[in-house]
Amino acid sequence: MVPDETQESSMNKAQIIASIDVAMGGHVAEKLIIGNEKISSGCGSDLRGATDLAVRAVRLYGMFGEELGYSSTQKKEASDDYNAKVDKCVKKILDESFTRVELLLQTKDKELRRLSKYLY
């Protein structure tokens, strides 16, 4: 669901966050419908895409500069301390996305369950 760097046109911060939320949707839906213990590997590529997009937003686009400063730095060019801060910021973005999507899908529980009947 998340475009790679070659497919991506200019995106603003809100669009990137929305794309991360969309990618997080399958994982959250599985958790709500079938439970944590039965979550499949099916949404792994979406989670990987969400993570990659969050990393690019933080590391390359400076979109979360209020937490890390405004720079564009590749992992190999940065200190271990800076890379740890990037990881922490990416985790925060993904955790906040999970929470947003979970709340949204909980409010749409009836629709989600109806849709899930056609997917399983």
C-alpha atoms as a PDB file:
ATOM      1  CA  MET A   1       0.000   0.000   0.000  1.00  0.00           C
ATOM      2  CA  VAL A   2       2.890   2.383   0.603  1.00  0.00           C
ATOM      3  CA  PRO A   3       4.697   3.499  -2.561  1.00  0.00           C
ATOM      4  CA  ASP A   4       8.414   2.961  -2.798  1.00  0.00           C
ATOM      5  CA  GLU A   5      10.774   5.854  -3.433  1.00  0.00           C
ATOM      6  CA  THR A   6      10.588   5.452  -7.230  1.00  0.00           C
ATOM      7  CA  GLN A   7       6.764   5.654  -7.274  1.00  0.00           C
ATOM      8  CA  GLU A   8       6.450   8.424  -4.758  1.00  0.00           C
ATOM      9  CA  SER A   9       5.668  11.946  -5.814  1.00  0.00           C
ATOM     10  CA  SER A  10       5.926  14.854  -3.438  1.00  0.00           C
ATOM     11  CA  MET A  11       3.918  14.115  -0.305  1.00  0.00           C
ATOM     12  CA  ASN A  12       3.247  16.364   2.637  1.00  0.00           C
ATOM     13  CA  LYS A  13       3.427  15.245   6.265  1.00  0.00           C
ATOM     14  CA  ALA A  14      -0.352  14.688   6.527  1.00  0.00           C
ATOM     15  CA  GLN A  15      -0.310  12.498   3.400  1.00  0.00           C
ATOM     16  CA  ILE A  16       2.576  10.450   4.730  1.00  0.00           C
ATOM     17  CA  ILE A  17       0.830   9.917   8.065  1.00  0.00           C
ATOM     18  CA  ALA A  18      -2.365   8.932   6.207  1.00  0.00           C
ATOM     19  CA  SER A  19      -0.409   6.435   4.085  1.00  0.00           C
ATOM     20  CA  ILE A  20       1.132   4.944   7.214  1.00  0.00           C
ATOM     21  CA  ASP A  21      -2.348   4.653   8.744  1.00  0.00           C
ATOM     22  CA  VAL A  22      -3.681   2.858   5.648  1.00  0.00           C
ATOM     23  CA  ALA A  23      -0.763   0.440   5.736  1.00  0.00           C
ATOM     24  CA  MET A  24      -1.367  -0.198   9.446  1.00  0.00           C
ATOM     25  CA  GLY A  25      -5.040  -1.016   8.789  1.00  0.00           C
ATOM     26  CA  GLY A  26      -4.675  -4.696   7.913  1.00  0.00           C
ATOM     27  CA  HIS A  27      -2.662  -5.498  11.004  1.00  0.00           C
ATOM     28  CA  VAL A  28      -5.077  -3.655  13.284  1.00  0.00           C
ATOM     29  CA  ALA A  29      -8.107  -5.237  11.603  1.00  0.00           C
ATOM     30  CA  GLU A  30      -6.680  -8.713  12.126  1.00  0.00           C
ATOM     31  CA  LYS A  31      -6.053  -7.951  15.785  1.00  0.00           C
ATOM     32  CA  LEU A  32      -9.627  -6.788  16.260  1.00  0.00           C
ATOM     33  CA  ILE A  33     -11.287  -9.580  14.254  1.00  0.00           C
ATOM     34  CA  ILE A  34      -9.227 -12.674  15.013  1.00  0.00           C
ATOM     35  CA  GLY A  35      -7.211 -11.605  18.059  1.00  0.00           C
ATOM     36  CA  ASN A  36      -3.533 -11.048  18.817  1.00  0.00           C
ATOM     37  CA  GLU A  37      -2.698 -14.746  19.028  1.00  0.00           C
ATOM     38  CA  LYS A  38      -3.910 -15.463  15.478  1.00  0.00           C
ATOM     39  CA  ILE A  39      -2.471 -12.491  13.599  1.00  0.00           C
ATOM     40  CA  SER A  40      -1.011 -13.689  10.300  1.00  0.00           C
ATOM     41  CA  SER A  41       2.093 -12.685   8.400  1.00  0.00           C
ATOM     42  CA  GLY A  42      -0.123 -11.394   5.578  1.00  0.00           C
ATOM     43  CA  CYS A  43       0.222  -7.747   6.465  1.00  0.00           C
ATOM     44  CA  GLY A  44       3.996  -7.907   6.905  1.00  0.00           C
ATOM     45  CA  SER A  45       4.704  -6.071   3.675  1.00  0.00           C
ATOM     46  CA  ASP A  46       2.295  -3.291   4.686  1.00  0.00           C
ATOM     47  CA  LEU A  47       4.042  -2.934   8.053  1.00  0.00           C
ATOM     48  CA  ARG A  48       7.420  -2.901   6.325  1.00  0.00           C
ATOM     49  CA  GLY A  49       6.159  -0.204   3.949  1.00  0.00           C
ATOM     50  CA  ALA A  50       4.764   1.857   6.843  1.00  0.00           C
ATOM     51  CA  THR A  51       8.071   1.568   8.670  1.00  0.00           C
ATOM     52  CA  ASP A  52      10.089   2.520   5.592  1.00  0.00           C
ATOM     53  CA  LEU A  53       7.877   5.544   4.964  1.00  0.00           C
ATOM     54  CA  ALA A  54       8.172   6.657   8.599  1.00  0.00           C
ATOM     55  CA  VAL A  55      11.959   6.280   8.434  1.00  0.00           C
ATOM     56  CA  ARG A  56      12.138   8.382   5.263  1.00  0.00           C
ATOM     57  CA  ALA A  57       9.866  11.058   6.788  1.00  0.00           C
ATOM     58  CA  VAL A  58      12.153  11.303   9.817  1.00  0.00           C
ATOM     59  CA  ARG A  59      15.587  10.664   8.345  1.00  0.00           C
ATOM     60  CA  LEU A  60      15.392  12.125   4.840  1.00  0.00           C
ATOM     61  CA  TYR A  61      12.546  14.640   4.781  1.00  0.00           C
ATOM     62  CA  GLY A  62      13.051  16.283   8.182  1.00  0.00           C
ATOM     63  CA  MET A  63       9.295  16.141   8.842  1.00  0.00           C
ATOM     64  CA  PHE A  64       9.749  15.399  12.522  1.00  0.00           C
ATOM     65  CA  GLY A  65      12.521  17.910  13.058  1.00  0.00           C
ATOM     66  CA  GLU A  66      10.970  19.167  16.261  1.00  0.00           C
ATOM     67  CA  GLU A  67      12.245  15.940  17.809  1.00  0.00           C
ATOM     68  CA  LEU A  68      15.491  15.370  15.885  1.00  0.00           C
ATOM     69  CA  GLY A  69      16.448  18.595  14.238  1.00  0.00           C
ATOM     70  CA  TYR A  70      16.063  19.398  10.582  1.00  0.00           C
ATOM     71  CA  SER A  71      18.478  17.390   8.520  1.00  0.00           C
ATOM     72  CA  SER A  72      18.589  14.684   5.886  1.00  0.00           C
ATOM     73  CA  THR A  73      20.928  11.961   7.066  1.00  0.00           C
ATOM     74  CA  GLN A  74      21.487   8.409   5.910  1.00  0.00           C
ATOM     75  CA  LYS A  75      21.897   5.817   8.658  1.00  0.00           C
ATOM     76  CA  LYS A  76      25.526   5.124   7.793  1.00  0.00           C
ATOM     77  CA  GLU A  77      26.344   8.856   7.987  1.00  0.00           C
ATOM     78  CA  ALA A  78      24.872   9.340  11.463  1.00  0.00           C
ATOM     79  CA  SER A  79      26.050   8.574  14.970  1.00  0.00           C
ATOM     80  CA  ASP A  80      24.693   5.647  16.954  1.00  0.00           C
ATOM     81  CA  ASP A  81      22.984   8.149  19.263  1.00  0.00           C
ATOM     82  CA  TYR A  82      21.233   9.882  16.353  1.00  0.00           C
ATOM     83  CA  ASN A  83      20.204   6.536  14.823  1.00  0.00           C
ATOM     84  CA  ALA A  84      18.724   5.479  18.175  1.00  0.00           C
ATOM     85  CA  LYS A  85      16.737   8.730  18.271  1.00  0.00           C
ATOM     86  CA  VAL A  86      15.475   8.059  14.729  1.00  0.00           C
ATOM     87  CA  ASP A  87      14.388   4.565  15.782  1.00  0.00           C
ATOM     88  CA  LYS A  88      12.568   5.997  18.806  1.00  0.00           C
ATOM     89  CA  CYS A  89      10.800   8.613  16.666  1.00  0.00           C
ATOM     90  CA  VAL A  90       9.790   5.996  14.058  1.00  0.00           C
ATOM     91  CA  LYS A  91       8.418   3.759  16.817  1.00  0.00           C
ATOM     92  CA  LYS A  92       6.396   6.686  18.148  1.00  0.00           C
ATOM     93  CA  ILE A  93       4.963   7.417  14.677  1.00  0.00           C
ATOM     94  CA  LEU A  94       3.991   3.770  14.179  1.00  0.00           C
ATOM     95  CA  ASP A  95       2.539   3.424  17.693  1.00  0.00           C
ATOM     96  CA  GLU A  96       0.460   6.577  17.222  1.00  0.00           C
ATOM     97  CA  SER A  97      -0.740   5.282  13.858  1.00  0.00           C
ATOM     98  CA  PHE A  98      -1.722   1.943  15.390  1.00  0.00           C
ATOM     99  CA  THR A  99      -3.722   3.751  18.091  1.00  0.00           C
ATOM    100  CA  ARG A 100      -5.464   6.051  15.562  1.00  0.00           C
ATOM    101  CA  VAL A 101      -6.382   3.158  13.276  1.00  0.00           C
ATOM    102  CA  GLU A 102      -7.505   0.967  16.172  1.00  0.00           C
ATOM    103  CA  LEU A 103      -9.838   3.706  17.450  1.00  0.00           C
ATOM    104  CA  LEU A 104     -11.223   4.285  13.963  1.00  0.00           C
ATOM    105  CA  LEU A 105     -11.847   0.600  13.310  1.00  0.00           C
ATOM    106  CA  GLN A 106     -13.427   0.151  16.743  1.00  0.00           C
ATOM    107  CA  THR A 107     -15.929   2.881  15.875  1.00  0.00           C
ATOM    108  CA  LYS A 108     -16.627   1.050  12.590  1.00  0.00           C
ATOM    109  CA  ASP A 109     -16.782  -2.414  14.177  1.00  0.00           C
ATOM    110  CA  LYS A 110     -20.024  -3.482  12.511  1.00  0.00           C
ATOM    111  CA  GLU A 111     -18.751  -2.531   9.054  1.00  0.00           C
ATOM    112  CA  LEU A 112     -15.367  -4.143   9.708  1.00  0.00           C
ATOM    113  CA  ARG A 113     -16.934  -7.448  10.758  1.00  0.00           C
ATOM    114  CA  ARG A 114     -19.257  -7.443   7.756  1.00  0.00           C
ATOM    115  CA  LEU A 115     -16.306  -6.864   5.424  1.00  0.00           C
ATOM    116  CA  SER A 116     -14.173  -9.497   7.161  1.00  0.00           C
ATOM    117  CA  LYS A 117     -16.783 -12.184   6.432  1.00  0.00           C
ATOM    118  CA  TYR A 118     -16.033 -11.756   2.735  1.00  0.00           C
ATOM    119  CA  LEU A 119     -12.276 -11.913   3.201  1.00  0.00           C
ATOM    120  CA  TYR A 120     -11.997 -15.110   5.235  1.00  0.00           C
END
